[in-house]
Amino acid sequence: MILLSFDTEEFDVPREHGVNYSLKQGMEVSVIGTNRILDVLKDNDVKATFFCTGNFVENAPETIQRIKDEGHELACHGVDHWEPKDTDVMESKRILEAATAQKAMGYRQPRMFPVSDDSIAKAGYLYNSSLNPAFIPGRYMHLTDPRTCFMKGDVVQIPASVTPLLRFPLFWLSLHNLPEWLYHNMVRSVLKKDGYFVTYFHPWEFYELKEHPELKMPFIIRNHSGRQMMERLDRLIKMLKRHGHQFGTYTPFALEQKKRLTR
């Protein structure tokens, strides 16, 4: 099973590099990127899960409607990506459910940072996908956390996939910068070991960042961004389909895992 997901947030990375960047500007970039992602998914007839900030839900209703209409799952990703608050776990759920008339079943904390397990449980989420169990000095130091799905109380925890032993992350930056043959091989090794693969990307990766030096994006983020990233995602999906793998969304997967883990 392949679980593609997209952290659908306002583009705020320039602010990390001292660039004054407004919510409106960030939304324009992410709406373009999200629609490019949806085009790739539609062309390949696969479904994915979109973890959306409250800002994105409220400022891009047409894009949210397209995600919903094309059969993808909508989940929560806080409210304001730049300034997370303790109340976001509940408030982002309220915003998304009001906008879509659907129950929000899953949550992912901005930047995959820690989030209160009690808050997740009290909000009534089925699953939490806020853990990248990788070894990335200065960012993620989760060598002792489970590498695969586990339970915390009644909530299914769905970590991002990392390689066995070395815990090399197979998230968005890896597909940007590794040779594709190497990334594909590592993905298949995880599938052989775990039986499923969980990864995530962002809409702004699919925007032509290389054409905007004023944003001061590091090379590892600019590299293969925009339409090149669309092509890389397309080739990844096609490779996985050739090998007979199925694509799915998080909620059905989480329900299966909950049954398995609570027997």
C-alpha atoms as a PDB file:
ATOM      1  CA  MET A   1       0.000   0.000   0.000  1.00  0.00           C
ATOM      2  CA  ILE A   2       1.258   3.462  -0.964  1.00  0.00           C
ATOM      3  CA  LEU A   3       0.142   6.385   1.196  1.00  0.00           C
ATOM      4  CA  LEU A   4       0.951   9.619  -0.607  1.00  0.00           C
ATOM      5  CA  SER A   5       0.263  12.772   1.367  1.00  0.00           C
ATOM      6  CA  PHE A   6       0.687  16.503   0.885  1.00  0.00           C
ATOM      7  CA  ASP A   7       1.104  19.080   3.640  1.00  0.00           C
ATOM      8  CA  THR A   8      -1.175  21.663   2.056  1.00  0.00           C
ATOM      9  CA  GLU A   9      -0.146  24.872   3.714  1.00  0.00           C
ATOM     10  CA  GLU A  10       0.557  28.492   2.894  1.00  0.00           C
ATOM     11  CA  PHE A  11       4.133  28.868   1.615  1.00  0.00           C
ATOM     12  CA  ASP A  12       6.082  30.397   4.484  1.00  0.00           C
ATOM     13  CA  VAL A  13       9.598  29.047   3.918  1.00  0.00           C
ATOM     14  CA  PRO A  14      10.959  32.452   2.747  1.00  0.00           C
ATOM     15  CA  ARG A  15      10.211  33.798   6.221  1.00  0.00           C
ATOM     16  CA  GLU A  16      12.693  31.273   7.625  1.00  0.00           C
ATOM     17  CA  HIS A  17      15.348  33.058   5.539  1.00  0.00           C
ATOM     18  CA  GLY A  18      14.467  36.621   6.505  1.00  0.00           C
ATOM     19  CA  VAL A  19      12.188  37.414   3.559  1.00  0.00           C
ATOM     20  CA  ASN A  20       9.021  39.365   4.336  1.00  0.00           C
ATOM     21  CA  TYR A  21       6.365  37.167   2.737  1.00  0.00           C
ATOM     22  CA  SER A  22       2.639  37.684   3.204  1.00  0.00           C
ATOM     23  CA  LEU A  23      -0.114  35.118   3.645  1.00  0.00           C
ATOM     24  CA  LYS A  24      -1.578  36.198   0.286  1.00  0.00           C
ATOM     25  CA  GLN A  25       1.725  35.569  -1.494  1.00  0.00           C
ATOM     26  CA  GLY A  26       2.152  32.240   0.249  1.00  0.00           C
ATOM     27  CA  MET A  27      -1.350  31.173  -0.713  1.00  0.00           C
ATOM     28  CA  GLU A  28      -0.817  32.052  -4.383  1.00  0.00           C
ATOM     29  CA  VAL A  29       2.240  29.799  -4.557  1.00  0.00           C
ATOM     30  CA  SER A  30       0.565  26.900  -2.756  1.00  0.00           C
ATOM     31  CA  VAL A  31      -2.647  27.040  -4.810  1.00  0.00           C
ATOM     32  CA  ILE A  32      -0.605  26.744  -8.005  1.00  0.00           C
ATOM     33  CA  GLY A  33       1.358  23.851  -6.532  1.00  0.00           C
ATOM     34  CA  THR A  34      -1.693  22.023  -5.219  1.00  0.00           C
ATOM     35  CA  ASN A  35      -3.408  22.136  -8.595  1.00  0.00           C
ATOM     36  CA  ARG A  36      -0.272  20.785 -10.253  1.00  0.00           C
ATOM     37  CA  ILE A  37      -0.233  17.920  -7.756  1.00  0.00           C
ATOM     38  CA  LEU A  38      -3.898  17.214  -8.457  1.00  0.00           C
ATOM     39  CA  ASP A  39      -3.174  17.124 -12.179  1.00  0.00           C
ATOM     40  CA  VAL A  40      -0.490  14.457 -11.674  1.00  0.00           C
ATOM     41  CA  LEU A  41      -2.732  12.380  -9.411  1.00  0.00           C
ATOM     42  CA  LYS A  42      -5.652  12.639 -11.846  1.00  0.00           C
ATOM     43  CA  ASP A  43      -3.488  11.621 -14.802  1.00  0.00           C
ATOM     44  CA  ASN A  44      -2.386   8.520 -12.877  1.00  0.00           C
ATOM     45  CA  ASP A  45      -5.802   7.744 -11.328  1.00  0.00           C
ATOM     46  CA  VAL A  46      -4.489   7.599  -7.760  1.00  0.00           C
ATOM     47  CA  LYS A  47      -5.859   9.022  -4.519  1.00  0.00           C
ATOM     48  CA  ALA A  48      -3.922  10.769  -1.763  1.00  0.00           C
ATOM     49  CA  THR A  49      -4.410  12.539   1.568  1.00  0.00           C
ATOM     50  CA  PHE A  50      -4.116  16.329   1.840  1.00  0.00           C
ATOM     51  CA  PHE A  51      -3.252  17.640   5.324  1.00  0.00           C
ATOM     52  CA  CYS A  52      -4.543  21.232   5.174  1.00  0.00           C
ATOM     53  CA  THR A  53      -3.935  24.225   7.408  1.00  0.00           C
ATOM     54  CA  GLY A  54      -6.924  26.267   8.478  1.00  0.00           C
ATOM     55  CA  ASN A  55      -5.431  29.183   6.536  1.00  0.00           C
ATOM     56  CA  PHE A  56      -5.406  27.139   3.344  1.00  0.00           C
ATOM     57  CA  VAL A  57      -8.973  25.884   3.874  1.00  0.00           C
ATOM     58  CA  GLU A  58     -10.312  29.393   4.433  1.00  0.00           C
ATOM     59  CA  ASN A  59      -8.350  31.087   1.640  1.00  0.00           C
ATOM     60  CA  ALA A  60      -8.548  28.474  -1.134  1.00  0.00           C
ATOM     61  CA  PRO A  61     -12.141  27.156  -1.152  1.00  0.00           C
ATOM     62  CA  GLU A  62     -12.089  26.275  -4.868  1.00  0.00           C
ATOM     63  CA  THR A  63      -8.938  24.172  -4.437  1.00  0.00           C
ATOM     64  CA  ILE A  64     -10.372  22.461  -1.363  1.00  0.00           C
ATOM     65  CA  GLN A  65     -13.493  21.666  -3.375  1.00  0.00           C
ATOM     66  CA  ARG A  66     -11.383  20.186  -6.179  1.00  0.00           C
ATOM     67  CA  ILE A  67      -9.529  17.966  -3.691  1.00  0.00           C
ATOM     68  CA  LYS A  68     -12.867  16.766  -2.342  1.00  0.00           C
ATOM     69  CA  ASP A  69     -14.516  16.337  -5.756  1.00  0.00           C
ATOM     70  CA  GLU A  70     -11.646  14.234  -7.071  1.00  0.00           C
ATOM     71  CA  GLY A  71     -11.956  11.736  -4.235  1.00  0.00           C
ATOM     72  CA  HIS A  72      -8.952  12.564  -2.086  1.00  0.00           C
ATOM     73  CA  GLU A  73      -8.940  12.655   1.703  1.00  0.00           C
ATOM     74  CA  LEU A  74      -8.808  15.946   3.578  1.00  0.00           C
ATOM     75  CA  ALA A  75      -7.106  15.986   6.987  1.00  0.00           C
ATOM     76  CA  CYS A  76      -5.851  18.655   9.398  1.00  0.00           C
ATOM     77  CA  HIS A  77      -2.473  20.397   9.555  1.00  0.00           C
ATOM     78  CA  GLY A  78      -2.963  23.077  12.185  1.00  0.00           C
ATOM     79  CA  VAL A  79      -4.269  26.578  11.527  1.00  0.00           C
ATOM     80  CA  ASP A  80      -1.399  28.995  10.814  1.00  0.00           C
ATOM     81  CA  HIS A  81       1.684  27.095   9.652  1.00  0.00           C
ATOM     82  CA  TRP A  82       4.087  29.808  10.803  1.00  0.00           C
ATOM     83  CA  GLU A  83       2.661  30.194  14.316  1.00  0.00           C
ATOM     84  CA  PRO A  84       1.296  26.889  15.658  1.00  0.00           C
ATOM     85  CA  LYS A  85      -0.790  27.107  18.829  1.00  0.00           C
ATOM     86  CA  ASP A  86      -1.927  24.495  21.324  1.00  0.00           C
ATOM     87  CA  THR A  87      -5.529  25.147  20.281  1.00  0.00           C
ATOM     88  CA  ASP A  88      -4.820  24.279  16.635  1.00  0.00           C
ATOM     89  CA  VAL A  89      -5.546  20.577  17.086  1.00  0.00           C
ATOM     90  CA  MET A  90      -9.192  21.316  17.787  1.00  0.00           C
ATOM     91  CA  GLU A  91      -9.564  24.544  15.812  1.00  0.00           C
ATOM     92  CA  SER A  92      -8.191  23.123  12.550  1.00  0.00           C
ATOM     93  CA  LYS A  93     -10.685  20.272  12.830  1.00  0.00           C
ATOM     94  CA  ARG A  94     -13.539  22.730  13.326  1.00  0.00           C
ATOM     95  CA  ILE A  95     -12.470  24.795  10.299  1.00  0.00           C
ATOM     96  CA  LEU A  96     -12.071  21.827   7.962  1.00  0.00           C
ATOM     97  CA  GLU A  97     -15.305  20.138   8.988  1.00  0.00           C
ATOM     98  CA  ALA A  98     -17.277  23.374   8.626  1.00  0.00           C
ATOM     99  CA  ALA A  99     -15.868  23.936   5.138  1.00  0.00           C
ATOM    100  CA  THR A 100     -16.343  20.402   3.818  1.00  0.00           C
ATOM    101  CA  ALA A 101     -19.272  18.964   5.794  1.00  0.00           C
ATOM    102  CA  GLN A 102     -17.073  15.892   6.335  1.00  0.00           C
ATOM    103  CA  LYS A 103     -15.513  14.517   9.491  1.00  0.00           C
ATOM    104  CA  ALA A 104     -11.774  15.109   9.745  1.00  0.00           C
ATOM    105  CA  MET A 105     -10.160  11.841  10.834  1.00  0.00           C
ATOM    106  CA  GLY A 106      -6.464  12.679  10.847  1.00  0.00           C
ATOM    107  CA  TYR A 107      -3.947  15.245  12.024  1.00  0.00           C
ATOM    108  CA  ARG A 108      -0.356  16.188  11.223  1.00  0.00           C
ATOM    109  CA  GLN A 109       1.506  18.853  13.170  1.00  0.00           C
ATOM    110  CA  PRO A 110       3.236  21.585  11.106  1.00  0.00           C
ATOM    111  CA  ARG A 111       6.845  20.625  10.318  1.00  0.00           C
ATOM    112  CA  MET A 112       6.183  17.161  11.799  1.00  0.00           C
ATOM    113  CA  PHE A 113       6.963  18.555  15.244  1.00  0.00           C
ATOM    114  CA  PRO A 114       5.637  16.987  18.477  1.00  0.00           C
ATOM    115  CA  VAL A 115       1.986  17.479  19.357  1.00  0.00           C
ATOM    116  CA  SER A 116       0.011  16.737  22.522  1.00  0.00           C
ATOM    117  CA  ASP A 117      -1.311  13.173  22.514  1.00  0.00           C
ATOM    118  CA  ASP A 118      -4.040  14.215  24.928  1.00  0.00           C
ATOM    119  CA  SER A 119      -5.185  16.981  22.573  1.00  0.00           C
ATOM    120  CA  ILE A 120      -5.268  14.576  19.628  1.00  0.00           C
ATOM    121  CA  ALA A 121      -7.352  12.086  21.596  1.00  0.00           C
ATOM    122  CA  LYS A 122      -9.732  14.710  22.998  1.00  0.00           C
ATOM    123  CA  ALA A 123     -10.354  16.098  19.509  1.00  0.00           C
ATOM    124  CA  GLY A 124     -11.505  12.649  18.397  1.00  0.00           C
ATOM    125  CA  TYR A 125      -8.962  11.938  15.669  1.00  0.00           C
ATOM    126  CA  LEU A 126      -8.579   8.388  14.406  1.00  0.00           C
ATOM    127  CA  TYR A 127      -4.919   8.839  13.487  1.00  0.00           C
ATOM    128  CA  ASN A 128      -1.929  11.120  13.983  1.00  0.00           C
ATOM    129  CA  SER A 129       0.817  11.333  11.364  1.00  0.00           C
ATOM    130  CA  SER A 130       3.188  13.783  13.062  1.00  0.00           C
ATOM    131  CA  LEU A 131       6.281  11.601  13.428  1.00  0.00           C
ATOM    132  CA  ASN A 132       9.268  11.404  11.109  1.00  0.00           C
ATOM    133  CA  PRO A 133      11.299   8.656  12.856  1.00  0.00           C
ATOM    134  CA  ALA A 134      14.521   9.689  11.145  1.00  0.00           C
ATOM    135  CA  PHE A 135      17.968  10.779  12.242  1.00  0.00           C
ATOM    136  CA  ILE A 136      18.357  14.364  10.953  1.00  0.00           C
ATOM    137  CA  PRO A 137      20.586  16.392  13.291  1.00  0.00           C
ATOM    138  CA  GLY A 138      18.943  19.645  14.298  1.00  0.00           C
ATOM    139  CA  ARG A 139      15.541  18.610  12.940  1.00  0.00           C
ATOM    140  CA  TYR A 140      14.437  15.071  13.789  1.00  0.00           C
ATOM    141  CA  MET A 141      16.175  12.913  16.378  1.00  0.00           C
ATOM    142  CA  HIS A 142      13.794   9.994  16.751  1.00  0.00           C
ATOM    143  CA  LEU A 143      16.073   6.975  16.813  1.00  0.00           C
ATOM    144  CA  THR A 144      14.209   5.335  19.677  1.00  0.00           C
ATOM    145  CA  ASP A 145      10.674   5.944  18.357  1.00  0.00           C
ATOM    146  CA  PRO A 146       8.822   3.213  16.458  1.00  0.00           C
ATOM    147  CA  ARG A 147       9.558   3.170  12.740  1.00  0.00           C
ATOM    148  CA  THR A 148       6.185   1.705  11.759  1.00  0.00           C
ATOM    149  CA  CYS A 149       2.553   2.125  12.847  1.00  0.00           C
ATOM    150  CA  PHE A 150       1.720   1.885  16.551  1.00  0.00           C
ATOM    151  CA  MET A 151      -1.007   2.902  18.989  1.00  0.00           C
ATOM    152  CA  LYS A 152      -1.095   5.642  21.612  1.00  0.00           C
ATOM    153  CA  GLY A 153      -4.303   5.127  23.510  1.00  0.00           C
ATOM    154  CA  ASP A 154      -7.040   4.874  20.901  1.00  0.00           C
ATOM    155  CA  VAL A 155      -5.145   6.861  18.256  1.00  0.00           C
ATOM    156  CA  VAL A 156      -3.240   5.173  15.429  1.00  0.00           C
ATOM    157  CA  GLN A 157       0.217   6.667  14.912  1.00  0.00           C
ATOM    158  CA  ILE A 158       1.372   6.627  11.274  1.00  0.00           C
ATOM    159  CA  PRO A 159       5.054   7.639  11.010  1.00  0.00           C
ATOM    160  CA  ALA A 160       6.627   8.705   7.748  1.00  0.00           C
ATOM    161  CA  SER A 161       8.632   5.901   6.164  1.00  0.00           C
ATOM    162  CA  VAL A 162      12.380   5.692   6.721  1.00  0.00           C
ATOM    163  CA  THR A 163      14.778   2.984   5.688  1.00  0.00           C
ATOM    164  CA  PRO A 164      15.424   0.095   8.083  1.00  0.00           C
ATOM    165  CA  LEU A 165      18.560   0.293  10.268  1.00  0.00           C
ATOM    166  CA  LEU A 166      19.941   3.680   9.142  1.00  0.00           C
ATOM    167  CA  ARG A 167      16.536   5.376   9.230  1.00  0.00           C
ATOM    168  CA  PHE A 168      17.256   7.446   6.133  1.00  0.00           C
ATOM    169  CA  PRO A 169      14.209   9.673   5.474  1.00  0.00           C
ATOM    170  CA  LEU A 170      12.309   9.109   2.234  1.00  0.00           C
ATOM    171  CA  PHE A 171      10.342  12.335   2.401  1.00  0.00           C
ATOM    172  CA  TRP A 172      10.160  15.263   0.001  1.00  0.00           C
ATOM    173  CA  LEU A 173      13.789  16.442   0.182  1.00  0.00           C
ATOM    174  CA  SER A 174      15.001  12.975  -0.735  1.00  0.00           C
ATOM    175  CA  LEU A 175      13.069  12.866  -3.994  1.00  0.00           C
ATOM    176  CA  HIS A 176      14.299  16.382  -4.808  1.00  0.00           C
ATOM    177  CA  ASN A 177      17.969  15.583  -4.416  1.00  0.00           C
ATOM    178  CA  LEU A 178      18.743  11.878  -4.714  1.00  0.00           C
ATOM    179  CA  PRO A 179      19.197  10.156  -8.068  1.00  0.00           C
ATOM    180  CA  GLU A 180      15.769   8.796  -8.901  1.00  0.00           C
ATOM    181  CA  TRP A 181      16.996   5.222  -9.316  1.00  0.00           C
ATOM    182  CA  LEU A 182      18.403   5.306  -5.776  1.00  0.00           C
ATOM    183  CA  TYR A 183      15.255   6.813  -4.264  1.00  0.00           C
ATOM    184  CA  HIS A 184      13.089   4.263  -6.077  1.00  0.00           C
ATOM    185  CA  ASN A 185      15.251   1.397  -4.854  1.00  0.00           C
ATOM    186  CA  MET A 186      15.036   2.584  -1.246  1.00  0.00           C
ATOM    187  CA  VAL A 187      11.265   2.932  -1.506  1.00  0.00           C
ATOM    188  CA  ARG A 188      10.979  -0.635  -2.786  1.00  0.00           C
ATOM    189  CA  SER A 189      13.200  -1.863   0.065  1.00  0.00           C
ATOM    190  CA  VAL A 190      10.838  -0.258   2.602  1.00  0.00           C
ATOM    191  CA  LEU A 191       7.837  -1.815   0.861  1.00  0.00           C
ATOM    192  CA  LYS A 192       9.507  -5.222   0.997  1.00  0.00           C
ATOM    193  CA  LYS A 193      10.211  -4.825   4.718  1.00  0.00           C
ATOM    194  CA  ASP A 194       7.028  -3.060   5.917  1.00  0.00           C
ATOM    195  CA  GLY A 195       4.400  -3.848   3.302  1.00  0.00           C
ATOM    196  CA  TYR A 196       3.465  -0.168   2.938  1.00  0.00           C
ATOM    197  CA  PHE A 197       5.110   3.196   2.224  1.00  0.00           C
ATOM    198  CA  VAL A 198       4.254   6.586   3.779  1.00  0.00           C
ATOM    199  CA  THR A 199       5.649   9.818   2.358  1.00  0.00           C
ATOM    200  CA  TYR A 200       4.800  13.502   2.133  1.00  0.00           C
ATOM    201  CA  PHE A 201       5.379  16.543  -0.046  1.00  0.00           C
ATOM    202  CA  HIS A 202       4.296  20.223  -0.100  1.00  0.00           C
ATOM    203  CA  PRO A 203       2.504  22.203  -2.812  1.00  0.00           C
ATOM    204  CA  TRP A 204       5.216  24.877  -2.986  1.00  0.00           C
ATOM    205  CA  GLU A 205       7.751  22.273  -4.141  1.00  0.00           C
ATOM    206  CA  PHE A 206       5.793  22.158  -7.394  1.00  0.00           C
ATOM    207  CA  TYR A 207       6.198  25.902  -7.979  1.00  0.00           C
ATOM    208  CA  GLU A 208       9.103  27.240 -10.073  1.00  0.00           C
ATOM    209  CA  LEU A 209      11.273  28.229  -7.109  1.00  0.00           C
ATOM    210  CA  LYS A 210      14.399  28.362  -9.294  1.00  0.00           C
ATOM    211  CA  GLU A 211      12.945  31.391 -11.090  1.00  0.00           C
ATOM    212  CA  HIS A 212      12.661  33.389  -7.857  1.00  0.00           C
ATOM    213  CA  PRO A 213      16.088  34.093  -6.314  1.00  0.00           C
ATOM    214  CA  GLU A 214      14.498  36.827  -4.197  1.00  0.00           C
ATOM    215  CA  LEU A 215      12.911  34.070  -2.068  1.00  0.00           C
ATOM    216  CA  LYS A 216      16.391  32.964  -0.921  1.00  0.00           C
ATOM    217  CA  MET A 217      15.554  29.277  -1.090  1.00  0.00           C
ATOM    218  CA  PRO A 218      18.436  26.880  -0.347  1.00  0.00           C
ATOM    219  CA  PHE A 219      19.619  24.768  -3.270  1.00  0.00           C
ATOM    220  CA  ILE A 220      18.270  21.533  -1.756  1.00  0.00           C
ATOM    221  CA  ILE A 221      14.760  23.034  -1.858  1.00  0.00           C
ATOM    222  CA  ARG A 222      15.066  24.701  -5.291  1.00  0.00           C
ATOM    223  CA  ASN A 223      16.611  21.598  -6.842  1.00  0.00           C
ATOM    224  CA  HIS A 224      14.175  19.890  -9.232  1.00  0.00           C
ATOM    225  CA  SER A 225      11.308  22.113  -8.062  1.00  0.00           C
ATOM    226  CA  GLY A 226       8.334  23.117 -10.180  1.00  0.00           C
ATOM    227  CA  ARG A 227       7.533  21.084 -13.273  1.00  0.00           C
ATOM    228  CA  GLN A 228      10.611  18.931 -12.699  1.00  0.00           C
ATOM    229  CA  MET A 229       9.069  17.865  -9.404  1.00  0.00           C
ATOM    230  CA  MET A 230       5.797  17.101 -11.180  1.00  0.00           C
ATOM    231  CA  GLU A 231       7.758  14.813 -13.489  1.00  0.00           C
ATOM    232  CA  ARG A 232       9.559  13.150 -10.583  1.00  0.00           C
ATOM    233  CA  LEU A 233       6.294  12.506  -8.761  1.00  0.00           C
ATOM    234  CA  ASP A 234       4.746  11.178 -11.962  1.00  0.00           C
ATOM    235  CA  ARG A 235       7.642   8.766 -12.544  1.00  0.00           C
ATOM    236  CA  LEU A 236       7.538   7.602  -8.907  1.00  0.00           C
ATOM    237  CA  ILE A 237       3.827   6.813  -9.171  1.00  0.00           C
ATOM    238  CA  LYS A 238       4.259   5.036 -12.499  1.00  0.00           C
ATOM    239  CA  MET A 239       7.162   2.955 -11.152  1.00  0.00           C
ATOM    240  CA  LEU A 240       5.126   1.857  -8.134  1.00  0.00           C
ATOM    241  CA  LYS A 241       2.123   0.973 -10.293  1.00  0.00           C
ATOM    242  CA  ARG A 242       4.353  -1.083 -12.622  1.00  0.00           C
ATOM    243  CA  HIS A 243       5.450  -3.081  -9.577  1.00  0.00           C
ATOM    244  CA  GLY A 244       1.826  -3.794  -8.704  1.00  0.00           C
ATOM    245  CA  HIS A 245       1.440  -1.520  -5.680  1.00  0.00           C
ATOM    246  CA  GLN A 246      -1.929  -0.016  -4.761  1.00  0.00           C
ATOM    247  CA  PHE A 247      -2.472   3.574  -3.628  1.00  0.00           C
ATOM    248  CA  GLY A 248      -4.812   4.538  -0.797  1.00  0.00           C
ATOM    249  CA  THR A 249      -5.769   7.227   1.675  1.00  0.00           C
ATOM    250  CA  TYR A 250      -4.986   7.342   5.363  1.00  0.00           C
ATOM    251  CA  THR A 251      -8.363   6.694   6.987  1.00  0.00           C
ATOM    252  CA  PRO A 252      -9.029   3.210   5.534  1.00  0.00           C
ATOM    253  CA  PHE A 253      -5.401   2.290   6.228  1.00  0.00           C
ATOM    254  CA  ALA A 254      -5.641   3.573   9.814  1.00  0.00           C
ATOM    255  CA  LEU A 255      -8.809   1.561  10.423  1.00  0.00           C
ATOM    256  CA  GLU A 256      -7.050  -1.609   9.235  1.00  0.00           C
ATOM    257  CA  GLN A 257      -4.026  -0.870  11.409  1.00  0.00           C
ATOM    258  CA  LYS A 258      -6.215  -0.218  14.439  1.00  0.00           C
ATOM    259  CA  LYS A 259      -7.849  -3.632  14.058  1.00  0.00           C
ATOM    260  CA  ARG A 260      -4.454  -5.281  13.690  1.00  0.00           C
ATOM    261  CA  LEU A 261      -2.820  -3.458  16.588  1.00  0.00           C
ATOM    262  CA  THR A 262      -5.675  -3.881  19.076  1.00  0.00           C
ATOM    263  CA  ARG A 263      -6.397  -7.579  18.633  1.00  0.00           C
END
